[in-house]
Amino acid sequence: MDLETKNPPAASRAATAGGMIHAEQLTAASFAHKQTKIKRILAELARGGTLHRFQAELLHDHCLHSTVSKIQEYGIRVDREMITVPGFGGHPTRVAKYWLDAENRELAARLLGFSHGL
């Protein structure tokens, strides 16, 4: 299964509760070599970065909350808090800021195949 697949294969779904795949069950080799939006966002979070929707645009993600939802299907918990940032015309806009704690950064790194740290 790779990060481009919308649903895990039937065999994987059957082996996991609720169709959820856990990062511990996956290996880096199970992911395609092609760069994907989910992998770009997950890599940024795995390196300890934080992102909100406007920052994610720089990584070509126009719907960050959906990407975060998909990442969580892999058993990685993404923390968040609501913050206020300048929006269109400088007007205050509330957005969610996302990040991974240390344990979930480690899971993400393993999933992405980062073998020598981040």
N, C-alpha and C. Protein backbone atom coordinates (compact mmCIF):
# COMPACT_ATOMS: atom_id res chain seq x y z
N MET A 1 0.84 -1.18 0.00
CA MET A 1 0.00 0.00 0.00
C MET A 1 0.88 1.24 0.00
N ASP A 2 0.49 2.28 -0.68
CA ASP A 2 1.28 3.50 -0.66
C ASP A 2 0.41 4.69 -0.29
N LEU A 3 1.02 5.83 -0.12
CA LEU A 3 0.29 7.02 0.31
C LEU A 3 -0.63 7.56 -0.77
N GLU A 4 -0.53 7.06 -1.99
CA GLU A 4 -1.42 7.51 -3.05
C GLU A 4 -2.72 6.71 -3.07
N THR A 5 -2.73 5.56 -2.42
CA THR A 5 -3.89 4.69 -2.43
C THR A 5 -4.95 5.25 -1.51
N LYS A 6 -6.17 5.42 -2.02
CA LYS A 6 -7.23 5.97 -1.19
C LYS A 6 -7.66 5.01 -0.11
N ASN A 7 -7.71 3.72 -0.40
CA ASN A 7 -8.08 2.72 0.57
C ASN A 7 -7.05 1.62 0.57
N PRO A 8 -6.76 1.06 1.76
CA PRO A 8 -5.81 -0.04 1.78
C PRO A 8 -6.38 -1.24 1.05
N PRO A 9 -5.51 -2.15 0.56
CA PRO A 9 -6.00 -3.36 -0.09
C PRO A 9 -6.93 -4.12 0.84
N ALA A 10 -7.83 -4.91 0.26
CA ALA A 10 -8.82 -5.64 1.05
C ALA A 10 -8.16 -6.47 2.14
N ALA A 11 -7.04 -7.12 1.84
CA ALA A 11 -6.36 -7.94 2.83
C ALA A 11 -5.90 -7.10 4.02
N SER A 12 -5.40 -5.88 3.74
CA SER A 12 -4.96 -5.00 4.82
C SER A 12 -6.14 -4.51 5.63
N ARG A 13 -7.24 -4.18 4.95
CA ARG A 13 -8.42 -3.72 5.68
C ARG A 13 -8.92 -4.80 6.60
N ALA A 14 -8.93 -6.04 6.13
CA ALA A 14 -9.44 -7.14 6.93
C ALA A 14 -8.58 -7.37 8.16
N ALA A 15 -7.29 -7.06 8.05
CA ALA A 15 -6.37 -7.33 9.14
C ALA A 15 -6.31 -6.22 10.18
N THR A 16 -6.98 -5.11 9.93
CA THR A 16 -6.90 -3.99 10.85
C THR A 16 -8.28 -3.58 11.30
N ALA A 17 -8.36 -3.01 12.48
CA ALA A 17 -9.64 -2.57 13.02
C ALA A 17 -10.13 -1.35 12.26
N GLY A 18 -11.32 -1.40 11.75
CA GLY A 18 -11.92 -0.25 11.09
C GLY A 18 -11.23 0.15 9.81
N GLY A 19 -10.43 -0.72 9.22
CA GLY A 19 -9.75 -0.38 7.98
C GLY A 19 -8.57 0.55 8.19
N MET A 20 -8.15 0.75 9.43
CA MET A 20 -7.06 1.67 9.73
C MET A 20 -5.73 0.93 9.71
N ILE A 21 -4.76 1.47 9.02
CA ILE A 21 -3.42 0.90 8.96
C ILE A 21 -2.56 1.64 9.97
N HIS A 22 -1.80 0.93 10.77
CA HIS A 22 -0.93 1.56 11.76
C HIS A 22 0.49 1.62 11.23
N ALA A 23 1.17 2.71 11.51
CA ALA A 23 2.51 2.93 10.99
C ALA A 23 3.45 1.80 11.38
N GLU A 24 3.24 1.19 12.55
CA GLU A 24 4.12 0.11 12.98
C GLU A 24 4.03 -1.08 12.04
N GLN A 25 2.91 -1.24 11.34
CA GLN A 25 2.71 -2.38 10.45
C GLN A 25 3.27 -2.14 9.05
N LEU A 26 3.67 -0.93 8.76
CA LEU A 26 4.13 -0.58 7.42
C LEU A 26 5.63 -0.44 7.39
N THR A 27 6.20 -0.58 6.22
CA THR A 27 7.63 -0.34 6.04
C THR A 27 7.79 0.72 4.96
N ALA A 28 8.95 1.34 4.94
CA ALA A 28 9.22 2.36 3.92
C ALA A 28 9.11 1.76 2.53
N ALA A 29 9.47 0.50 2.40
CA ALA A 29 9.42 -0.15 1.08
C ALA A 29 8.00 -0.27 0.56
N SER A 30 7.01 -0.15 1.44
CA SER A 30 5.63 -0.29 0.99
C SER A 30 5.10 0.99 0.35
N PHE A 31 5.88 2.05 0.36
CA PHE A 31 5.45 3.31 -0.23
C PHE A 31 6.08 3.52 -1.59
N ALA A 32 5.32 4.06 -2.50
CA ALA A 32 5.83 4.33 -3.85
C ALA A 32 6.93 5.39 -3.79
N HIS A 33 7.82 5.38 -4.76
CA HIS A 33 8.90 6.35 -4.81
C HIS A 33 8.43 7.72 -5.27
N LYS A 34 7.29 7.78 -5.92
CA LYS A 34 6.77 9.05 -6.43
C LYS A 34 6.39 9.98 -5.28
N GLN A 35 6.74 11.23 -5.41
CA GLN A 35 6.39 12.23 -4.41
C GLN A 35 4.88 12.48 -4.44
N THR A 36 4.27 12.55 -3.28
CA THR A 36 2.84 12.85 -3.19
C THR A 36 2.61 13.97 -2.19
N LYS A 37 1.45 14.56 -2.26
CA LYS A 37 1.09 15.63 -1.33
C LYS A 37 1.15 15.12 0.11
N ILE A 38 0.61 13.95 0.36
CA ILE A 38 0.60 13.42 1.72
C ILE A 38 2.03 13.22 2.22
N LYS A 39 2.89 12.71 1.38
CA LYS A 39 4.28 12.51 1.78
C LYS A 39 4.99 13.83 2.03
N ARG A 40 4.71 14.85 1.22
CA ARG A 40 5.34 16.16 1.44
C ARG A 40 4.93 16.74 2.79
N ILE A 41 3.65 16.68 3.09
CA ILE A 41 3.14 17.23 4.35
C ILE A 41 3.66 16.40 5.52
N LEU A 42 3.59 15.08 5.41
CA LEU A 42 4.06 14.22 6.49
C LEU A 42 5.55 14.42 6.74
N ALA A 43 6.35 14.59 5.70
CA ALA A 43 7.79 14.82 5.86
C ALA A 43 8.05 16.12 6.61
N GLU A 44 7.32 17.16 6.28
CA GLU A 44 7.49 18.44 6.97
C GLU A 44 7.15 18.30 8.46
N LEU A 45 6.06 17.61 8.75
CA LEU A 45 5.67 17.41 10.15
C LEU A 45 6.66 16.48 10.86
N ALA A 46 7.16 15.46 10.17
CA ALA A 46 8.11 14.51 10.76
C ALA A 46 9.42 15.20 11.12
N ARG A 47 9.77 16.23 10.38
CA ARG A 47 11.00 16.98 10.67
C ARG A 47 10.81 17.95 11.84
N GLY A 48 9.61 17.98 12.41
CA GLY A 48 9.35 18.86 13.54
C GLY A 48 8.71 20.17 13.16
N GLY A 49 8.35 20.32 11.90
CA GLY A 49 7.71 21.55 11.44
C GLY A 49 6.26 21.63 11.88
N THR A 50 5.73 22.83 11.84
CA THR A 50 4.31 23.06 12.05
C THR A 50 3.75 23.67 10.78
N LEU A 51 2.49 23.42 10.53
CA LEU A 51 1.86 23.95 9.31
C LEU A 51 0.44 24.41 9.60
N HIS A 52 0.06 25.51 8.96
CA HIS A 52 -1.36 25.86 8.86
C HIS A 52 -1.68 25.96 7.37
N ARG A 53 -2.93 26.16 7.05
CA ARG A 53 -3.39 26.05 5.65
C ARG A 53 -2.63 26.94 4.67
N PHE A 54 -2.25 28.13 5.08
CA PHE A 54 -1.56 29.03 4.16
C PHE A 54 -0.11 28.60 3.95
N GLN A 55 0.54 28.08 4.99
CA GLN A 55 1.89 27.56 4.85
C GLN A 55 1.90 26.32 3.97
N ALA A 56 0.87 25.50 4.08
CA ALA A 56 0.78 24.27 3.29
C ALA A 56 0.68 24.56 1.79
N GLU A 57 0.21 25.74 1.44
CA GLU A 57 0.14 26.12 0.02
C GLU A 57 1.53 26.06 -0.62
N LEU A 58 2.57 26.38 0.16
CA LEU A 58 3.94 26.34 -0.36
C LEU A 58 4.37 24.91 -0.70
N LEU A 59 3.69 23.93 -0.12
CA LEU A 59 3.95 22.52 -0.41
C LEU A 59 2.90 21.97 -1.38
N HIS A 60 2.17 22.87 -2.01
CA HIS A 60 1.15 22.54 -3.01
C HIS A 60 -0.01 21.75 -2.43
N ASP A 61 -0.36 22.05 -1.17
CA ASP A 61 -1.53 21.44 -0.54
C ASP A 61 -2.56 22.53 -0.35
N HIS A 62 -3.68 22.37 -1.03
CA HIS A 62 -4.74 23.39 -0.98
C HIS A 62 -5.87 22.99 -0.05
N CYS A 63 -5.75 21.85 0.61
CA CYS A 63 -6.81 21.36 1.49
C CYS A 63 -6.16 20.60 2.65
N LEU A 64 -5.40 21.30 3.47
CA LEU A 64 -4.58 20.69 4.50
C LEU A 64 -5.38 19.82 5.47
N HIS A 65 -6.56 20.25 5.85
CA HIS A 65 -7.33 19.46 6.82
C HIS A 65 -7.65 18.06 6.28
N SER A 66 -7.87 17.94 4.99
CA SER A 66 -8.12 16.63 4.39
C SER A 66 -6.85 15.78 4.36
N THR A 67 -5.73 16.40 4.10
CA THR A 67 -4.45 15.69 4.10
C THR A 67 -4.15 15.17 5.50
N VAL A 68 -4.37 16.00 6.50
CA VAL A 68 -4.16 15.59 7.89
C VAL A 68 -5.07 14.42 8.24
N SER A 69 -6.30 14.47 7.79
CA SER A 69 -7.24 13.37 8.03
C SER A 69 -6.71 12.07 7.44
N LYS A 70 -6.18 12.14 6.23
CA LYS A 70 -5.63 10.95 5.57
C LYS A 70 -4.40 10.44 6.31
N ILE A 71 -3.53 11.34 6.77
CA ILE A 71 -2.35 10.94 7.53
C ILE A 71 -2.77 10.16 8.78
N GLN A 72 -3.80 10.60 9.44
CA GLN A 72 -4.27 9.95 10.66
C GLN A 72 -4.81 8.55 10.39
N GLU A 73 -5.24 8.27 9.16
CA GLU A 73 -5.69 6.92 8.81
C GLU A 73 -4.54 5.93 8.87
N TYR A 74 -3.30 6.41 8.84
CA TYR A 74 -2.12 5.57 8.94
C TYR A 74 -1.68 5.36 10.38
N GLY A 75 -2.49 5.79 11.33
CA GLY A 75 -2.18 5.58 12.74
C GLY A 75 -1.27 6.63 13.34
N ILE A 76 -1.08 7.73 12.65
CA ILE A 76 -0.24 8.82 13.15
C ILE A 76 -1.16 9.91 13.68
N ARG A 77 -1.00 10.24 14.97
CA ARG A 77 -1.83 11.29 15.57
C ARG A 77 -1.22 12.65 15.26
N VAL A 78 -2.02 13.53 14.70
CA VAL A 78 -1.58 14.88 14.37
C VAL A 78 -2.23 15.84 15.36
N ASP A 79 -1.38 16.54 16.14
CA ASP A 79 -1.89 17.51 17.10
C ASP A 79 -2.24 18.79 16.38
N ARG A 80 -3.11 19.60 17.01
CA ARG A 80 -3.54 20.84 16.39
C ARG A 80 -4.03 21.82 17.44
N GLU A 81 -4.02 23.09 17.06
CA GLU A 81 -4.64 24.15 17.84
C GLU A 81 -5.10 25.23 16.88
N MET A 82 -6.13 25.95 17.27
CA MET A 82 -6.63 27.04 16.45
C MET A 82 -5.82 28.30 16.76
N ILE A 83 -5.38 28.97 15.71
CA ILE A 83 -4.62 30.21 15.84
C ILE A 83 -5.22 31.25 14.90
N THR A 84 -4.84 32.49 15.09
CA THR A 84 -5.28 33.57 14.20
C THR A 84 -4.07 34.08 13.43
N VAL A 85 -4.23 34.16 12.11
CA VAL A 85 -3.17 34.64 11.22
C VAL A 85 -3.76 35.68 10.29
N PRO A 86 -2.90 36.50 9.66
CA PRO A 86 -3.43 37.44 8.67
C PRO A 86 -3.95 36.66 7.44
N GLY A 87 -5.15 36.98 7.02
CA GLY A 87 -5.73 36.35 5.84
C GLY A 87 -5.79 37.35 4.69
N PHE A 88 -6.76 37.17 3.82
CA PHE A 88 -6.93 38.05 2.66
C PHE A 88 -7.04 39.50 3.11
N GLY A 89 -6.25 40.35 2.50
CA GLY A 89 -6.27 41.77 2.83
C GLY A 89 -5.76 42.06 4.23
N GLY A 90 -5.07 41.10 4.85
CA GLY A 90 -4.55 41.29 6.20
C GLY A 90 -5.57 41.10 7.30
N HIS A 91 -6.79 40.71 6.94
CA HIS A 91 -7.82 40.50 7.95
C HIS A 91 -7.54 39.24 8.76
N PRO A 92 -7.77 39.28 10.08
CA PRO A 92 -7.52 38.11 10.92
C PRO A 92 -8.37 36.92 10.47
N THR A 93 -7.71 35.79 10.40
CA THR A 93 -8.36 34.55 9.97
C THR A 93 -7.96 33.44 10.93
N ARG A 94 -8.94 32.66 11.37
CA ARG A 94 -8.64 31.53 12.26
C ARG A 94 -8.36 30.29 11.43
N VAL A 95 -7.25 29.64 11.76
CA VAL A 95 -6.85 28.42 11.07
C VAL A 95 -6.34 27.42 12.11
N ALA A 96 -6.29 26.16 11.71
CA ALA A 96 -5.69 25.14 12.57
C ALA A 96 -4.20 25.04 12.24
N LYS A 97 -3.39 25.00 13.29
CA LYS A 97 -1.95 24.77 13.15
C LYS A 97 -1.71 23.32 13.55
N TYR A 98 -0.99 22.55 12.71
CA TYR A 98 -0.78 21.12 12.93
C TYR A 98 0.68 20.82 13.20
N TRP A 99 0.94 19.79 14.01
CA TRP A 99 2.29 19.31 14.29
C TRP A 99 2.22 17.89 14.82
N LEU A 100 3.38 17.24 14.92
CA LEU A 100 3.49 15.90 15.47
C LEU A 100 4.32 15.95 16.75
N ASP A 101 3.89 15.19 17.77
CA ASP A 101 4.72 15.06 18.96
C ASP A 101 5.88 14.11 18.64
N ALA A 102 6.79 13.95 19.57
CA ALA A 102 8.01 13.16 19.32
C ALA A 102 7.70 11.73 18.91
N GLU A 103 6.77 11.09 19.59
CA GLU A 103 6.43 9.70 19.27
C GLU A 103 5.89 9.57 17.85
N ASN A 104 5.01 10.48 17.46
CA ASN A 104 4.42 10.42 16.13
C ASN A 104 5.39 10.89 15.04
N ARG A 105 6.35 11.76 15.39
CA ARG A 105 7.41 12.11 14.43
C ARG A 105 8.24 10.87 14.12
N GLU A 106 8.51 10.06 15.15
CA GLU A 106 9.27 8.82 14.95
C GLU A 106 8.50 7.85 14.05
N LEU A 107 7.20 7.69 14.30
CA LEU A 107 6.37 6.82 13.46
C LEU A 107 6.38 7.31 12.01
N ALA A 108 6.22 8.62 11.85
CA ALA A 108 6.19 9.20 10.50
C ALA A 108 7.53 8.99 9.80
N ALA A 109 8.63 9.18 10.52
CA ALA A 109 9.95 9.01 9.94
C ALA A 109 10.14 7.57 9.46
N ARG A 110 9.73 6.61 10.28
CA ARG A 110 9.83 5.20 9.87
C ARG A 110 8.99 4.93 8.64
N LEU A 111 7.78 5.45 8.63
CA LEU A 111 6.89 5.25 7.51
C LEU A 111 7.46 5.83 6.22
N LEU A 112 8.11 6.97 6.33
CA LEU A 112 8.69 7.64 5.17
C LEU A 112 10.05 7.07 4.77
N GLY A 113 10.62 6.24 5.64
CA GLY A 113 11.91 5.63 5.31
C GLY A 113 13.09 6.50 5.66
N PHE A 114 12.92 7.42 6.59
CA PHE A 114 14.04 8.25 7.05
C PHE A 114 14.86 7.39 7.99
N SER A 115 15.99 6.89 7.54
CA SER A 115 16.77 5.93 8.34
C SER A 115 17.82 6.59 9.23
N HIS A 116 18.25 7.79 8.92
CA HIS A 116 19.32 8.42 9.68
C HIS A 116 18.86 9.65 10.41
N GLY A 117 17.64 9.62 10.94
CA GLY A 117 17.13 10.78 11.66
C GLY A 117 16.58 11.83 10.72
N LEU A 118 16.12 12.88 11.32
CA LEU A 118 15.47 13.92 10.54
C LEU A 118 16.28 15.18 10.53
